[in-house]
N, C-alpha and C. Protein backbone atom coordinates (compact mmCIF):
# COMPACT_ATOMS: atom_id res chain seq x y z
N MET A 1 -55.95 -48.43 -157.84
CA MET A 1 -56.28 -47.60 -156.29
C MET A 1 -55.04 -48.17 -155.61
N TYR A 2 -54.56 -47.39 -154.83
CA TYR A 2 -53.78 -47.92 -153.53
C TYR A 2 -54.70 -48.60 -152.77
N GLN A 3 -54.06 -49.67 -152.47
CA GLN A 3 -54.54 -50.03 -150.91
C GLN A 3 -53.36 -50.44 -150.17
N PHE A 4 -53.26 -50.00 -148.99
CA PHE A 4 -52.42 -50.00 -147.95
C PHE A 4 -52.94 -49.95 -146.45
N SER A 5 -52.24 -50.63 -145.69
CA SER A 5 -52.40 -50.06 -144.05
C SER A 5 -51.11 -50.10 -143.55
N TYR A 6 -50.93 -49.69 -142.44
CA TYR A 6 -49.94 -49.52 -141.74
C TYR A 6 -49.48 -50.91 -140.97
N ALA A 7 -50.40 -51.56 -140.67
CA ALA A 7 -49.99 -53.15 -140.27
C ALA A 7 -49.23 -53.56 -141.47
N ASP A 8 -49.40 -53.43 -142.75
CA ASP A 8 -48.71 -54.04 -143.91
C ASP A 8 -47.23 -53.55 -143.95
N ILE A 9 -47.03 -52.14 -143.27
CA ILE A 9 -45.51 -51.73 -143.50
C ILE A 9 -44.50 -51.67 -142.37
N GLN A 10 -45.56 -52.41 -141.19
CA GLN A 10 -44.64 -52.24 -139.91
C GLN A 10 -43.19 -53.11 -140.19
N SER A 11 -43.44 -54.17 -140.90
CA SER A 11 -42.24 -55.01 -140.90
C SER A 11 -41.09 -54.25 -141.94
N ASP A 12 -41.73 -53.22 -143.10
CA ASP A 12 -40.57 -52.97 -143.77
C ASP A 12 -39.66 -51.66 -143.06
N SER A 13 -38.92 -51.55 -143.73
CA SER A 13 -37.66 -50.72 -143.11
C SER A 13 -38.39 -49.46 -143.16
N ALA A 14 -37.59 -48.34 -142.02
CA ALA A 14 -38.17 -47.07 -142.25
C ALA A 14 -38.01 -46.43 -143.31
N ALA A 15 -36.92 -46.23 -144.14
CA ALA A 15 -36.70 -46.07 -145.39
C ALA A 15 -37.63 -46.43 -146.29
N ASP A 16 -38.14 -47.67 -146.32
CA ASP A 16 -39.33 -47.99 -147.18
C ASP A 16 -40.36 -47.31 -147.05
N ALA A 17 -40.85 -47.24 -145.82
CA ALA A 17 -42.06 -46.41 -145.28
C ALA A 17 -42.51 -45.12 -145.66
N LYS A 18 -41.18 -44.69 -145.57
CA LYS A 18 -41.03 -43.36 -145.64
C LYS A 18 -41.05 -42.70 -147.57
N ASP A 19 -40.66 -43.77 -147.80
CA ASP A 19 -40.93 -43.64 -149.48
C ASP A 19 -42.36 -44.07 -149.84
N ARG A 20 -42.71 -44.77 -149.16
CA ARG A 20 -44.17 -44.95 -149.58
C ARG A 20 -45.14 -43.59 -149.21
N GLU A 21 -44.83 -43.18 -148.02
CA GLU A 21 -45.70 -42.05 -147.50
C GLU A 21 -45.59 -40.76 -148.76
N ARG A 22 -44.18 -40.75 -149.27
CA ARG A 22 -43.86 -39.79 -150.00
C ARG A 22 -44.40 -40.18 -151.25
N GLN A 23 -44.64 -41.36 -151.69
CA GLN A 23 -45.21 -41.40 -152.86
C GLN A 23 -47.12 -41.57 -152.74
N LEU A 24 -47.57 -41.74 -151.46
CA LEU A 24 -48.89 -41.84 -151.48
C LEU A 24 -49.22 -40.14 -151.39
N LEU A 25 -48.38 -39.21 -151.10
CA LEU A 25 -48.63 -38.11 -151.12
C LEU A 25 -48.71 -37.20 -152.25
N THR A 26 -47.44 -37.62 -152.89
CA THR A 26 -47.35 -37.44 -154.51
C THR A 26 -48.50 -37.63 -155.23
N ARG A 27 -49.12 -38.95 -154.85
CA ARG A 27 -50.32 -39.35 -155.84
C ARG A 27 -51.79 -38.25 -155.38
N SER A 28 -51.55 -38.14 -154.25
CA SER A 28 -52.67 -37.28 -153.61
C SER A 28 -52.57 -35.57 -154.17
N ILE A 29 -51.57 -35.52 -154.10
CA ILE A 29 -51.08 -33.83 -154.87
C ILE A 29 -51.57 -33.96 -156.36
N ASP A 30 -50.75 -34.69 -156.81
CA ASP A 30 -51.41 -35.34 -158.31
C ASP A 30 -52.93 -35.06 -158.41
N LEU A 31 -53.49 -35.81 -157.97
CA LEU A 31 -55.02 -35.98 -157.70
C LEU A 31 -55.62 -34.18 -157.89
N LEU A 32 -54.98 -33.92 -156.96
CA LEU A 32 -55.71 -32.66 -156.22
C LEU A 32 -55.11 -31.70 -157.50
N VAL A 33 -54.66 -31.74 -157.93
CA VAL A 33 -53.91 -30.59 -159.13
C VAL A 33 -55.03 -30.99 -160.37
N SER A 34 -55.30 -32.11 -160.44
CA SER A 34 -56.13 -32.70 -161.55
C SER A 34 -57.23 -32.03 -161.32
N ALA A 35 -57.66 -32.14 -160.26
CA ALA A 35 -59.14 -31.63 -159.82
C ALA A 35 -59.39 -30.25 -159.83
N ARG A 36 -58.12 -29.52 -159.32
CA ARG A 36 -58.32 -27.84 -159.52
C ARG A 36 -58.39 -27.73 -160.88
N GLU A 37 -57.93 -28.45 -161.82
CA GLU A 37 -57.79 -28.10 -163.00
C GLU A 37 -59.14 -28.29 -163.86
N ALA A 38 -59.98 -29.10 -163.33
CA ALA A 38 -61.06 -29.43 -163.88
C ALA A 38 -62.39 -28.96 -162.92
N GLY A 39 -62.33 -28.70 -161.70
CA GLY A 39 -63.48 -27.88 -160.99
C GLY A 39 -63.85 -28.67 -159.81
N ALA A 40 -64.16 -27.63 -158.80
CA ALA A 40 -64.99 -28.39 -157.72
C ALA A 40 -65.74 -29.57 -157.89
N GLY A 41 -66.83 -29.46 -159.13
CA GLY A 41 -67.66 -30.46 -159.06
C GLY A 41 -67.33 -31.25 -159.69
N SER A 42 -66.04 -31.59 -160.53
CA SER A 42 -65.52 -32.85 -161.47
C SER A 42 -65.66 -34.19 -160.61
N MET A 43 -65.84 -34.92 -161.47
CA MET A 43 -64.94 -36.27 -161.20
C MET A 43 -63.57 -36.76 -160.40
N GLN A 44 -63.17 -35.87 -161.29
CA GLN A 44 -61.65 -35.59 -160.66
C GLN A 44 -61.73 -35.41 -159.06
N ALA A 45 -62.42 -34.33 -158.64
CA ALA A 45 -62.36 -33.56 -157.54
C ALA A 45 -62.97 -34.48 -156.46
N VAL A 46 -63.64 -35.26 -157.32
CA VAL A 46 -64.61 -36.54 -156.32
C VAL A 46 -63.54 -37.61 -156.08
N GLU A 47 -62.88 -38.10 -156.81
CA GLU A 47 -61.57 -39.21 -156.63
C GLU A 47 -60.61 -38.25 -155.71
N ALA A 48 -60.21 -37.07 -156.02
CA ALA A 48 -58.99 -36.81 -155.23
C ALA A 48 -59.04 -36.49 -153.59
N VAL A 49 -60.54 -35.90 -153.30
CA VAL A 49 -61.04 -35.65 -152.19
C VAL A 49 -61.04 -37.18 -151.44
N HIS A 50 -61.57 -38.00 -152.40
CA HIS A 50 -61.75 -39.46 -151.32
C HIS A 50 -60.42 -39.86 -151.41
N PHE A 51 -59.18 -40.07 -152.11
CA PHE A 51 -58.09 -40.43 -152.04
C PHE A 51 -57.30 -39.56 -151.04
N LEU A 52 -57.70 -38.43 -151.03
CA LEU A 52 -56.69 -37.87 -149.50
C LEU A 52 -57.46 -38.07 -148.41
N ASN A 53 -59.02 -38.22 -148.55
CA ASN A 53 -59.56 -38.50 -146.79
C ASN A 53 -59.28 -39.77 -146.73
N ARG A 54 -58.85 -40.94 -147.31
CA ARG A 54 -58.49 -42.25 -147.10
C ARG A 54 -56.69 -42.12 -146.39
N LEU A 55 -56.33 -41.37 -147.12
CA LEU A 55 -54.72 -41.29 -146.94
C LEU A 55 -54.73 -41.09 -145.66
N TRP A 56 -55.35 -39.42 -145.41
CA TRP A 56 -55.33 -38.79 -143.83
C TRP A 56 -55.96 -39.63 -142.96
N THR A 57 -56.95 -40.24 -143.22
CA THR A 57 -57.67 -41.08 -141.96
C THR A 57 -56.77 -41.88 -141.62
N ALA A 58 -55.74 -42.84 -142.47
CA ALA A 58 -54.95 -43.49 -142.06
C ALA A 58 -53.56 -43.20 -141.40
N PHE A 59 -53.32 -41.76 -142.16
CA PHE A 59 -52.04 -41.19 -141.09
C PHE A 59 -52.34 -40.72 -139.79
N VAL A 60 -53.67 -40.67 -139.50
CA VAL A 60 -53.84 -39.72 -138.33
C VAL A 60 -54.34 -40.96 -137.64
N GLU A 61 -54.88 -42.04 -137.78
CA GLU A 61 -54.70 -43.17 -136.86
C GLU A 61 -53.52 -43.45 -136.36
N ASP A 62 -52.82 -44.10 -137.70
CA ASP A 62 -51.25 -44.15 -137.49
C ASP A 62 -50.54 -43.36 -135.79
N LEU A 63 -50.77 -41.88 -136.31
CA LEU A 63 -49.83 -40.69 -135.54
C LEU A 63 -50.99 -40.87 -134.36
N GLY A 64 -51.63 -41.49 -133.96
CA GLY A 64 -52.27 -41.41 -132.62
C GLY A 64 -52.11 -42.96 -132.20
N SER A 65 -51.46 -43.61 -132.73
CA SER A 65 -51.25 -45.05 -131.93
C SER A 65 -49.89 -44.70 -131.27
N PRO A 66 -49.93 -45.29 -129.67
CA PRO A 66 -48.64 -45.28 -128.98
C PRO A 66 -47.41 -45.91 -129.49
N GLU A 67 -47.48 -46.98 -130.77
CA GLU A 67 -46.54 -47.59 -131.29
C GLU A 67 -45.83 -46.80 -132.05
N ASN A 68 -46.29 -45.53 -132.56
CA ASN A 68 -45.72 -44.97 -133.42
C ASN A 68 -44.69 -44.51 -133.05
N GLY A 69 -43.30 -43.88 -133.32
CA GLY A 69 -42.45 -43.97 -133.00
C GLY A 69 -41.59 -42.39 -132.97
N LEU A 70 -42.61 -41.58 -133.77
CA LEU A 70 -42.33 -40.15 -134.01
C LEU A 70 -42.40 -39.16 -132.44
N PRO A 71 -41.21 -38.37 -132.19
CA PRO A 71 -41.85 -37.27 -130.67
C PRO A 71 -43.05 -37.10 -130.94
N SER A 72 -43.62 -37.15 -129.86
CA SER A 72 -45.34 -36.53 -129.09
C SER A 72 -45.23 -35.30 -129.75
N GLU A 73 -44.83 -34.37 -129.56
CA GLU A 73 -45.19 -32.92 -130.13
C GLU A 73 -45.29 -33.00 -131.90
N LEU A 74 -44.56 -33.46 -132.22
CA LEU A 74 -44.53 -33.96 -134.03
C LEU A 74 -45.91 -34.33 -134.61
N ARG A 75 -45.86 -35.69 -133.53
CA ARG A 75 -46.88 -36.19 -133.66
C ARG A 75 -48.70 -35.73 -133.90
N ALA A 76 -48.60 -34.53 -132.55
CA ALA A 76 -49.78 -34.15 -132.23
C ALA A 76 -50.10 -33.09 -133.48
N ASN A 77 -48.60 -32.01 -133.74
CA ASN A 77 -48.76 -31.03 -134.89
C ASN A 77 -49.26 -31.73 -136.28
N LEU A 78 -48.67 -33.24 -136.61
CA LEU A 78 -49.40 -34.11 -137.57
C LEU A 78 -50.52 -34.16 -137.94
N ILE A 79 -51.13 -34.57 -136.51
CA ILE A 79 -52.58 -35.05 -136.41
C ILE A 79 -53.42 -33.54 -136.72
N SER A 80 -53.02 -32.69 -136.11
CA SER A 80 -53.65 -31.28 -136.27
C SER A 80 -53.91 -30.96 -137.73
N ILE A 81 -52.73 -30.99 -138.91
CA ILE A 81 -52.71 -30.32 -139.98
C ILE A 81 -53.34 -31.61 -140.52
N GLY A 82 -53.32 -32.97 -140.46
CA GLY A 82 -54.26 -33.93 -140.94
C GLY A 82 -55.87 -33.44 -140.71
N LEU A 83 -55.92 -33.32 -139.32
CA LEU A 83 -57.50 -32.85 -139.50
C LEU A 83 -58.04 -31.79 -140.14
N TRP A 84 -57.23 -30.55 -140.36
CA TRP A 84 -57.29 -29.68 -141.17
C TRP A 84 -57.41 -30.21 -142.78
N LEU A 85 -56.33 -30.61 -143.24
CA LEU A 85 -56.81 -31.14 -144.41
C LEU A 85 -58.21 -31.75 -144.81
N LEU A 86 -58.36 -32.89 -143.59
CA LEU A 86 -60.00 -33.83 -143.73
C LEU A 86 -61.13 -32.73 -143.70
N ARG A 87 -60.85 -31.73 -143.12
CA ARG A 87 -61.92 -30.75 -143.09
C ARG A 87 -62.27 -29.92 -144.31
N GLU A 88 -60.93 -29.44 -144.58
CA GLU A 88 -60.87 -28.58 -145.95
C GLU A 88 -61.55 -29.44 -147.20
N ALA A 89 -60.94 -30.58 -147.05
CA ALA A 89 -61.56 -31.69 -148.39
C ALA A 89 -62.80 -31.73 -148.08
N GLU A 90 -63.41 -32.19 -146.90
CA GLU A 90 -64.97 -31.87 -146.55
C GLU A 90 -65.80 -30.93 -147.17
N ALA A 91 -65.41 -29.48 -146.68
CA ALA A 91 -65.31 -28.69 -147.43
C ALA A 91 -65.75 -28.73 -149.08
N VAL A 92 -64.80 -29.23 -149.73
CA VAL A 92 -64.68 -29.12 -151.02
C VAL A 92 -65.96 -30.27 -151.46
N ARG A 93 -65.86 -31.16 -150.75
CA ARG A 93 -66.86 -32.11 -151.28
C ARG A 93 -68.20 -31.54 -151.01
N GLN A 94 -68.37 -30.81 -149.94
CA GLN A 94 -69.77 -30.14 -149.41
C GLN A 94 -70.05 -29.10 -150.42
N GLY A 95 -69.33 -28.46 -151.64
CA GLY A 95 -69.31 -27.50 -152.13
C GLY A 95 -69.24 -26.18 -151.48
N GLU A 96 -68.58 -26.20 -150.41
CA GLU A 96 -68.70 -25.06 -149.40
C GLU A 96 -67.10 -24.30 -149.92
N ALA A 97 -66.31 -24.89 -150.63
CA ALA A 97 -64.92 -24.61 -150.89
C ALA A 97 -64.55 -25.14 -151.96
N ASP A 98 -63.44 -24.60 -152.57
CA ASP A 98 -62.59 -25.05 -153.78
C ASP A 98 -61.22 -24.83 -153.17
N ASN A 99 -60.80 -25.09 -152.29
CA ASN A 99 -59.49 -24.62 -151.68
C ASN A 99 -58.21 -26.08 -152.00
N PHE A 100 -58.16 -25.90 -153.53
CA PHE A 100 -57.37 -26.88 -153.77
C PHE A 100 -55.92 -26.21 -153.34
N ASP A 101 -55.62 -25.07 -153.94
CA ASP A 101 -54.39 -24.75 -153.14
C ASP A 101 -53.89 -24.86 -152.19
N GLY A 102 -54.29 -24.57 -151.65
CA GLY A 102 -54.07 -24.88 -149.82
C GLY A 102 -54.17 -26.68 -149.43
N LEU A 103 -54.86 -26.98 -150.25
CA LEU A 103 -54.59 -28.29 -149.69
C LEU A 103 -53.42 -28.80 -150.39
N ILE A 104 -52.98 -28.61 -151.71
CA ILE A 104 -51.79 -28.98 -152.32
C ILE A 104 -50.72 -28.72 -151.51
N GLU A 105 -50.86 -27.07 -151.21
CA GLU A 105 -49.41 -26.57 -150.82
C GLU A 105 -49.11 -27.19 -149.06
N VAL A 106 -50.06 -27.56 -148.71
CA VAL A 106 -49.79 -28.63 -147.67
C VAL A 106 -49.26 -29.53 -147.43
N SER A 107 -50.13 -30.17 -148.87
CA SER A 107 -49.66 -31.59 -148.67
C SER A 107 -47.91 -31.87 -149.45
N GLN A 108 -47.73 -30.82 -150.19
CA GLN A 108 -46.35 -30.71 -150.70
C GLN A 108 -45.38 -30.54 -149.46
N ILE A 109 -45.66 -29.77 -148.24
CA ILE A 109 -44.76 -29.15 -147.37
C ILE A 109 -44.51 -30.39 -146.56
N ILE A 110 -45.94 -31.63 -146.29
CA ILE A 110 -45.51 -32.55 -145.54
C ILE A 110 -44.58 -33.48 -146.36
N ARG A 111 -45.12 -33.89 -147.59
CA ARG A 111 -44.31 -34.59 -148.48
C ARG A 111 -42.92 -34.52 -148.48
N ASP A 112 -42.72 -33.08 -148.70
CA ASP A 112 -41.28 -32.68 -148.70
C ASP A 112 -40.13 -32.70 -147.46
N GLY A 113 -41.21 -32.74 -146.36
CA GLY A 113 -40.54 -33.03 -145.21
C GLY A 113 -40.25 -34.21 -144.69
N ILE A 114 -40.86 -35.28 -145.28
CA ILE A 114 -40.48 -36.42 -144.91
C ILE A 114 -38.87 -36.83 -145.56
N GLN A 115 -38.68 -37.38 -144.44
CA GLN A 115 -36.84 -37.63 -144.42
C GLN A 115 -36.46 -39.13 -144.24
């Protein structure tokens, strides 16, 4: 399992940090694809939702930090997207939804937008 914190990558170059973010989003997407195939009640779904939750909780925390170098409007938009992902993943966890396609699509858009 991936262990990371933004404090650990602050000393990394911006390119390294972006590459790490892309890798983590790709891992999350791969887990979500497996979960979609296995179904909302599967162990794959539990793992995918747990990973997404940890990842986006860290992202949202970092985006809310005054030290984050992104423009404030972009940060606010990404926080909103992250909160949606977290809510939707929680609905999957609770058995209220199985919107893996939405989680995958939004995650792909975010990953592909990291430059």
